Amino acid sequence: MVNTYDEIFDAALSLPPGLRAMLAEHLFKSLDAENQLEIDTLWAEEAEKRFQAVEQGEVTLISGEQVLRELRSRSK
């Protein structure tokens, strides 16, 4: 029986890449909060609202370079 961290880790590393990826995905999902589906839904709705605002010209976009410049100037 596998029961220590090192044994579990070694056993996981011995799996083929596809199975390791599936295991990693399942482990990652197990960390989700109980209400993760609700959180994901709310974020998806917010992303859609923001996308629509951009598409309809309701917001002014700025370049990533400008954002980084402004952030760097704040930290000085």
PDB file of N, CA and C in Angstrom:
ATOM      1  N   MET A   1       0.849  -1.192   0.000  1.00  0.00           N
ATOM      2  CA  MET A   1       0.000   0.000   0.000  1.00  0.00           C
ATOM      3  C   MET A   1       0.890   1.249   0.000  1.00  0.00           C
ATOM      4  N   VAL A   2       0.530   2.215  -0.842  1.00  0.00           N
ATOM      5  CA  VAL A   2       1.270   3.481  -0.941  1.00  0.00           C
ATOM      6  C   VAL A   2       0.705   4.429   0.105  1.00  0.00           C
ATOM      7  N   ASN A   3       1.581   4.924   1.011  1.00  0.00           N
ATOM      8  CA  ASN A   3       1.014   5.774   2.049  1.00  0.00           C
ATOM      9  C   ASN A   3       1.855   6.973   2.460  1.00  0.00           C
ATOM     10  N   THR A   4       3.054   7.106   1.980  1.00  0.00           N
ATOM     11  CA  THR A   4       3.800   8.316   2.317  1.00  0.00           C
ATOM     12  C   THR A   4       3.817   9.240   1.105  1.00  0.00           C
ATOM     13  N   TYR A   5       4.085  10.496   1.370  1.00  0.00           N
ATOM     14  CA  TYR A   5       4.128  11.475   0.285  1.00  0.00           C
ATOM     15  C   TYR A   5       5.105  11.047  -0.790  1.00  0.00           C
ATOM     16  N   ASP A   6       6.309  10.666  -0.390  1.00  0.00           N
ATOM     17  CA  ASP A   6       7.330  10.284  -1.375  1.00  0.00           C
ATOM     18  C   ASP A   6       6.892   9.088  -2.202  1.00  0.00           C
ATOM     19  N   GLU A   7       6.249   8.111  -1.556  1.00  0.00           N
ATOM     20  CA  GLU A   7       5.771   6.932  -2.292  1.00  0.00           C
ATOM     21  C   GLU A   7       4.672   7.317  -3.288  1.00  0.00           C
ATOM     22  N   ILE A   8       3.770   8.184  -2.836  1.00  0.00           N
ATOM     23  CA  ILE A   8       2.686   8.625  -3.718  1.00  0.00           C
ATOM     24  C   ILE A   8       3.257   9.420  -4.888  1.00  0.00           C
ATOM     25  N   PHE A   9       4.191  10.300  -4.586  1.00  0.00           N
ATOM     26  CA  PHE A   9       4.804  11.117  -5.637  1.00  0.00           C
ATOM     27  C   PHE A   9       5.543  10.243  -6.640  1.00  0.00           C
ATOM     28  N   ASP A  10       6.322   9.291  -6.147  1.00  0.00           N
ATOM     29  CA  ASP A  10       7.063   8.392  -7.041  1.00  0.00           C
ATOM     30  C   ASP A  10       6.110   7.557  -7.889  1.00  0.00           C
ATOM     31  N   ALA A  11       5.029   7.090  -7.277  1.00  0.00           N
ATOM     32  CA  ALA A  11       4.042   6.300  -8.025  1.00  0.00           C
ATOM     33  C   ALA A  11       3.395   7.152  -9.114  1.00  0.00           C
ATOM     34  N   ALA A  12       3.088   8.407  -8.781  1.00  0.00           N
ATOM     35  CA  ALA A  12       2.476   9.306  -9.766  1.00  0.00           C
ATOM     36  C   ALA A  12       3.439   9.565 -10.919  1.00  0.00           C
ATOM     37  N   LEU A  13       4.717   9.764 -10.619  1.00  0.00           N
ATOM     38  CA  LEU A  13       5.702  10.021 -11.665  1.00  0.00           C
ATOM     39  C   LEU A  13       5.920   8.817 -12.572  1.00  0.00           C
ATOM     40  N   SER A  14       5.592   7.637 -12.081  1.00  0.00           N
ATOM     41  CA  SER A  14       5.780   6.433 -12.894  1.00  0.00           C
ATOM     42  C   SER A  14       4.649   6.243 -13.897  1.00  0.00           C
ATOM     43  N   LEU A  15       3.587   7.015 -13.775  1.00  0.00           N
ATOM     44  CA  LEU A  15       2.465   6.922 -14.708  1.00  0.00           C
ATOM     45  C   LEU A  15       2.848   7.508 -16.061  1.00  0.00           C
ATOM     46  N   PRO A  16       2.192   7.048 -17.123  1.00  0.00           N
ATOM     47  CA  PRO A  16       2.404   7.669 -18.439  1.00  0.00           C
ATOM     48  C   PRO A  16       1.946   9.135 -18.400  1.00  0.00           C
ATOM     49  N   PRO A  17       2.501   9.973 -19.275  1.00  0.00           N
ATOM     50  CA  PRO A  17       2.178  11.405 -19.244  1.00  0.00           C
ATOM     51  C   PRO A  17       0.680  11.716 -19.252  1.00  0.00           C
ATOM     52  N   GLY A  18      -0.089  11.028 -20.054  1.00  0.00           N
ATOM     53  CA  GLY A  18      -1.524  11.302 -20.114  1.00  0.00           C
ATOM     54  C   GLY A  18      -2.222  11.051 -18.800  1.00  0.00           C
ATOM     55  N   LEU A  19      -1.857   9.960 -18.143  1.00  0.00           N
ATOM     56  CA  LEU A  19      -2.464   9.659 -16.848  1.00  0.00           C
ATOM     57  C   LEU A  19      -1.987  10.631 -15.776  1.00  0.00           C
ATOM     58  N   ARG A  20      -0.721  11.050 -15.847  1.00  0.00           N
ATOM     59  CA  ARG A  20      -0.226  12.061 -14.897  1.00  0.00           C
ATOM     60  C   ARG A  20      -1.020  13.357 -15.050  1.00  0.00           C
ATOM     61  N   ALA A  21      -1.293  13.731 -16.301  1.00  0.00           N
ATOM     62  CA  ALA A  21      -2.066  14.955 -16.546  1.00  0.00           C
ATOM     63  C   ALA A  21      -3.470  14.823 -15.976  1.00  0.00           C
ATOM     64  N   MET A  22      -4.093  13.661 -16.166  1.00  0.00           N
ATOM     65  CA  MET A  22      -5.436  13.444 -15.617  1.00  0.00           C
ATOM     66  C   MET A  22      -5.412  13.499 -14.096  1.00  0.00           C
ATOM     67  N   LEU A  23      -4.394  12.873 -13.498  1.00  0.00           N
ATOM     68  CA  LEU A  23      -4.264  12.892 -12.042  1.00  0.00           C
ATOM     69  C   LEU A  23      -4.085  14.320 -11.546  1.00  0.00           C
ATOM     70  N   ALA A  24      -3.224  15.072 -12.219  1.00  0.00           N
ATOM     71  CA  ALA A  24      -2.997  16.470 -11.820  1.00  0.00           C
ATOM     72  C   ALA A  24      -4.284  17.276 -11.908  1.00  0.00           C
ATOM     73  N   GLU A  25      -5.046  17.066 -12.971  1.00  0.00           N
ATOM     74  CA  GLU A  25      -6.311  17.789 -13.126  1.00  0.00           C
ATOM     75  C   GLU A  25      -7.281  17.437 -12.007  1.00  0.00           C
ATOM     76  N   HIS A  26      -7.382  16.160 -11.683  1.00  0.00           N
ATOM     77  CA  HIS A  26      -8.287  15.744 -10.604  1.00  0.00           C
ATOM     78  C   HIS A  26      -7.837  16.302  -9.256  1.00  0.00           C
ATOM     79  N   LEU A  27      -6.529  16.292  -9.002  1.00  0.00           N
ATOM     80  CA  LEU A  27      -6.037  16.851  -7.752  1.00  0.00           C
ATOM     81  C   LEU A  27      -6.301  18.348  -7.679  1.00  0.00           C
ATOM     82  N   PHE A  28      -6.076  19.037  -8.798  1.00  0.00           N
ATOM     83  CA  PHE A  28      -6.314  20.475  -8.835  1.00  0.00           C
ATOM     84  C   PHE A  28      -7.790  20.787  -8.589  1.00  0.00           C
ATOM     85  N   LYS A  29      -8.669  20.032  -9.232  1.00  0.00           N
ATOM     86  CA  LYS A  29     -10.105  20.259  -9.034  1.00  0.00           C
ATOM     87  C   LYS A  29     -10.535  19.984  -7.602  1.00  0.00           C
ATOM     88  N   SER A  30      -9.842  19.069  -6.929  1.00  0.00           N
ATOM     89  CA  SER A  30     -10.211  18.751  -5.550  1.00  0.00           C
ATOM     90  C   SER A  30      -9.944  19.924  -4.613  1.00  0.00           C
ATOM     91  N   LEU A  31      -9.152  20.901  -5.068  1.00  0.00           N
ATOM     92  CA  LEU A  31      -8.855  22.073  -4.250  1.00  0.00           C
ATOM     93  C   LEU A  31      -9.918  23.157  -4.370  1.00  0.00           C
ATOM     94  N   ASP A  32     -10.816  22.998  -5.339  1.00  0.00           N
ATOM     95  CA  ASP A  32     -11.853  24.001  -5.556  1.00  0.00           C
ATOM     96  C   ASP A  32     -12.734  24.163  -4.332  1.00  0.00           C
ATOM     97  N   ALA A  33     -13.176  25.383  -4.134  1.00  0.00           N
ATOM     98  CA  ALA A  33     -14.109  25.675  -3.053  1.00  0.00           C
ATOM     99  C   ALA A  33     -15.443  24.998  -3.348  1.00  0.00           C
ATOM    100  N   GLU A  34     -16.233  24.830  -2.317  1.00  0.00           N
ATOM    101  CA  GLU A  34     -17.542  24.193  -2.487  1.00  0.00           C
ATOM    102  C   GLU A  34     -18.392  24.925  -3.516  1.00  0.00           C
ATOM    103  N   ASN A  35     -18.261  26.217  -3.565  1.00  0.00           N
ATOM    104  CA  ASN A  35     -19.085  27.023  -4.456  1.00  0.00           C
ATOM    105  C   ASN A  35     -18.323  27.427  -5.722  1.00  0.00           C
ATOM    106  N   GLN A  36     -17.340  26.625  -6.140  1.00  0.00           N
ATOM    107  CA  GLN A  36     -16.509  26.980  -7.284  1.00  0.00           C
ATOM    108  C   GLN A  36     -17.329  27.134  -8.562  1.00  0.00           C
ATOM    109  N   LEU A  37     -18.338  26.295  -8.755  1.00  0.00           N
ATOM    110  CA  LEU A  37     -19.167  26.401  -9.951  1.00  0.00           C
ATOM    111  C   LEU A  37     -19.859  27.764  -9.999  1.00  0.00           C
ATOM    112  N   GLU A  38     -20.356  28.219  -8.863  1.00  0.00           N
ATOM    113  CA  GLU A  38     -20.995  29.538  -8.795  1.00  0.00           C
ATOM    114  C   GLU A  38     -19.974  30.638  -9.087  1.00  0.00           C
ATOM    115  N   ILE A  39     -18.789  30.518  -8.517  1.00  0.00           N
ATOM    116  CA  ILE A  39     -17.731  31.503  -8.746  1.00  0.00           C
ATOM    117  C   ILE A  39     -17.362  31.544 -10.229  1.00  0.00           C
ATOM    118  N   ASP A  40     -17.175  30.370 -10.829  1.00  0.00           N
ATOM    119  CA  ASP A  40     -16.829  30.303 -12.253  1.00  0.00           C
ATOM    120  C   ASP A  40     -17.909  30.924 -13.119  1.00  0.00           C
ATOM    121  N   THR A  41     -19.174  30.677 -12.762  1.00  0.00           N
ATOM    122  CA  THR A  41     -20.295  31.245 -13.515  1.00  0.00           C
ATOM    123  C   THR A  41     -20.293  32.764 -13.422  1.00  0.00           C
ATOM    124  N   LEU A  42     -20.084  33.282 -12.228  1.00  0.00           N
ATOM    125  CA  LEU A  42     -20.051  34.740 -12.048  1.00  0.00           C
ATOM    126  C   LEU A  42     -18.900  35.373 -12.822  1.00  0.00           C
ATOM    127  N   TRP A  43     -17.720  34.732 -12.811  1.00  0.00           N
ATOM    128  CA  TRP A  43     -16.584  35.259 -13.567  1.00  0.00           C
ATOM    129  C   TRP A  43     -16.863  35.218 -15.067  1.00  0.00           C
ATOM    130  N   ALA A  44     -17.503  34.158 -15.527  1.00  0.00           N
ATOM    131  CA  ALA A  44     -17.833  34.052 -16.954  1.00  0.00           C
ATOM    132  C   ALA A  44     -18.808  35.164 -17.346  1.00  0.00           C
ATOM    133  N   GLU A  45     -19.782  35.428 -16.505  1.00  0.00           N
ATOM    134  CA  GLU A  45     -20.735  36.510 -16.772  1.00  0.00           C
ATOM    135  C   GLU A  45     -20.024  37.859 -16.804  1.00  0.00           C
ATOM    136  N   GLU A  46     -19.131  38.082 -15.860  1.00  0.00           N
ATOM    137  CA  GLU A  46     -18.380  39.348 -15.824  1.00  0.00           C
ATOM    138  C   GLU A  46     -17.510  39.499 -17.061  1.00  0.00           C
ATOM    139  N   ALA A  47     -16.851  38.421 -17.464  1.00  0.00           N
ATOM    140  CA  ALA A  47     -16.015  38.467 -18.663  1.00  0.00           C
ATOM    141  C   ALA A  47     -16.855  38.799 -19.889  1.00  0.00           C
ATOM    142  N   GLU A  48     -18.031  38.210 -19.976  1.00  0.00           N
ATOM    143  CA  GLU A  48     -18.915  38.491 -21.113  1.00  0.00           C
ATOM    144  C   GLU A  48     -19.365  39.951 -21.101  1.00  0.00           C
ATOM    145  N   LYS A  49     -19.698  40.493 -19.931  1.00  0.00           N
ATOM    146  CA  LYS A  49     -20.088  41.899 -19.823  1.00  0.00           C
ATOM    147  C   LYS A  49     -18.959  42.812 -20.293  1.00  0.00           C
ATOM    148  N   ARG A  50     -17.752  42.498 -19.855  1.00  0.00           N
ATOM    149  CA  ARG A  50     -16.600  43.321 -20.237  1.00  0.00           C
ATOM    150  C   ARG A  50     -16.319  43.217 -21.729  1.00  0.00           C
ATOM    151  N   PHE A  51     -16.444  42.028 -22.278  1.00  0.00           N
ATOM    152  CA  PHE A  51     -16.251  41.834 -23.714  1.00  0.00           C
ATOM    153  C   PHE A  51     -17.267  42.650 -24.504  1.00  0.00           C
ATOM    154  N   GLN A  52     -18.513  42.586 -24.076  1.00  0.00           N
ATOM    155  CA  GLN A  52     -19.565  43.341 -24.764  1.00  0.00           C
ATOM    156  C   GLN A  52     -19.314  44.844 -24.665  1.00  0.00           C
ATOM    157  N   ALA A  53     -18.842  45.310 -23.513  1.00  0.00           N
ATOM    158  CA  ALA A  53     -18.542  46.731 -23.344  1.00  0.00           C
ATOM    159  C   ALA A  53     -17.450  47.158 -24.306  1.00  0.00           C
ATOM    160  N   VAL A  54     -16.441  46.315 -24.496  1.00  0.00           N
ATOM    161  CA  VAL A  54     -15.365  46.617 -25.446  1.00  0.00           C
ATOM    162  C   VAL A  54     -15.924  46.621 -26.865  1.00  0.00           C
ATOM    163  N   GLU A  55     -16.672  45.594 -27.204  1.00  0.00           N
ATOM    164  CA  GLU A  55     -17.234  45.476 -28.558  1.00  0.00           C
ATOM    165  C   GLU A  55     -18.134  46.660 -28.908  1.00  0.00           C
ATOM    166  N   GLN A  56     -18.863  47.173 -27.931  1.00  0.00           N
ATOM    167  CA  GLN A  56     -19.793  48.274 -28.177  1.00  0.00           C
ATOM    168  C   GLN A  56     -19.137  49.642 -27.998  1.00  0.00           C
ATOM    169  N   GLY A  57     -17.841  49.656 -27.746  1.00  0.00           N
ATOM    170  CA  GLY A  57     -17.120  50.919 -27.623  1.00  0.00           C
ATOM    171  C   GLY A  57     -17.444  51.697 -26.360  1.00  0.00           C
ATOM    172  N   GLU A  58     -17.910  51.013 -25.331  1.00  0.00           N
ATOM    173  CA  GLU A  58     -18.288  51.685 -24.088  1.00  0.00           C
ATOM    174  C   GLU A  58     -17.094  51.953 -23.175  1.00  0.00           C
ATOM    175  N   VAL A  59     -15.957  51.353 -23.484  1.00  0.00           N
ATOM    176  CA  VAL A  59     -14.761  51.538 -22.655  1.00  0.00           C
ATOM    177  C   VAL A  59     -13.598  51.951 -23.543  1.00  0.00           C
ATOM    178  N   THR A  60     -12.645  52.620 -22.933  1.00  0.00           N
ATOM    179  CA  THR A  60     -11.439  53.004 -23.660  1.00  0.00           C
ATOM    180  C   THR A  60     -10.340  52.012 -23.309  1.00  0.00           C
ATOM    181  N   LEU A  61      -9.788  51.397 -24.316  1.00  0.00           N
ATOM    182  CA  LEU A  61      -8.718  50.431 -24.094  1.00  0.00           C
ATOM    183  C   LEU A  61      -7.371  51.128 -24.066  1.00  0.00           C
ATOM    184  N   ILE A  62      -6.469  50.602 -23.251  1.00  0.00           N
ATOM    185  CA  ILE A  62      -5.098  51.098 -23.245  1.00  0.00           C
ATOM    186  C   ILE A  62      -4.170  49.899 -23.453  1.00  0.00           C
ATOM    187  N   SER A  63      -3.014  50.176 -24.002  1.00  0.00           N
ATOM    188  CA  SER A  63      -2.085  49.093 -24.322  1.00  0.00           C
ATOM    189  C   SER A  63      -1.459  48.517 -23.058  1.00  0.00           C
ATOM    190  N   GLY A  64      -1.008  47.288 -23.171  1.00  0.00           N
ATOM    191  CA  GLY A  64      -0.311  46.651 -22.069  1.00  0.00           C
ATOM    192  C   GLY A  64       0.934  47.417 -21.685  1.00  0.00           C
ATOM    193  N   GLU A  65       1.621  47.982 -22.690  1.00  0.00           N
ATOM    194  CA  GLU A  65       2.820  48.774 -22.413  1.00  0.00           C
ATOM    195  C   GLU A  65       2.496  49.971 -21.540  1.00  0.00           C
ATOM    196  N   GLN A  66       1.379  50.634 -21.830  1.00  0.00           N
ATOM    197  CA  GLN A  66       0.988  51.796 -21.028  1.00  0.00           C
ATOM    198  C   GLN A  66       0.649  51.364 -19.601  1.00  0.00           C
ATOM    199  N   VAL A  67      -0.041  50.256 -19.465  1.00  0.00           N
ATOM    200  CA  VAL A  67      -0.380  49.756 -18.129  1.00  0.00           C
ATOM    201  C   VAL A  67       0.892  49.504 -17.331  1.00  0.00           C
ATOM    202  N   LEU A  68       1.859  48.833 -17.956  1.00  0.00           N
ATOM    203  CA  LEU A  68       3.114  48.539 -17.259  1.00  0.00           C
ATOM    204  C   LEU A  68       3.869  49.803 -16.888  1.00  0.00           C
ATOM    205  N   ARG A  69       3.873  50.790 -17.800  1.00  0.00           N
ATOM    206  CA  ARG A  69       4.533  52.063 -17.486  1.00  0.00           C
ATOM    207  C   ARG A  69       3.903  52.706 -16.261  1.00  0.00           C
ATOM    208  N   GLU A  70       2.576  52.731 -16.231  1.00  0.00           N
ATOM    209  CA  GLU A  70       1.879  53.358 -15.102  1.00  0.00           C
ATOM    210  C   GLU A  70       2.141  52.605 -13.810  1.00  0.00           C
ATOM    211  N   LEU A  71       2.149  51.279 -13.869  1.00  0.00           N
ATOM    212  CA  LEU A  71       2.425  50.496 -12.668  1.00  0.00           C
ATOM    213  C   LEU A  71       3.846  50.724 -12.164  1.00  0.00           C
ATOM    214  N   ARG A  72       4.786  50.777 -13.095  1.00  0.00           N
ATOM    215  CA  ARG A  72       6.177  51.002 -12.697  1.00  0.00           C
ATOM    216  C   ARG A  72       6.355  52.381 -12.079  1.00  0.00           C
ATOM    217  N   SER A  73       5.643  53.374 -12.623  1.00  0.00           N
ATOM    218  CA  SER A  73       5.782  54.732 -12.076  1.00  0.00           C
ATOM    219  C   SER A  73       5.195  54.821 -10.674  1.00  0.00           C
ATOM    220  N   ARG A  74       4.229  54.001 -10.348  1.00  0.00           N
ATOM    221  CA  ARG A  74       3.629  54.007  -9.002  1.00  0.00           C
ATOM    222  C   ARG A  74       4.578  53.420  -7.966  1.00  0.00           C
ATOM    223  N   SER A  75       5.424  52.508  -8.395  1.00  0.00           N
ATOM    224  CA  SER A  75       6.296  51.830  -7.430  1.00  0.00           C
ATOM    225  C   SER A  75       7.582  52.592  -7.131  1.00  0.00           C
ATOM    226  N   LYS A  76       7.765  53.755  -7.748  1.00  0.00           N
ATOM    227  CA  LYS A  76       8.980  54.545  -7.520  1.00  0.00           C
ATOM    228  C   LYS A  76       8.802  55.506  -6.397  1.00  0.00           C
TER     229      LYS A  76
END
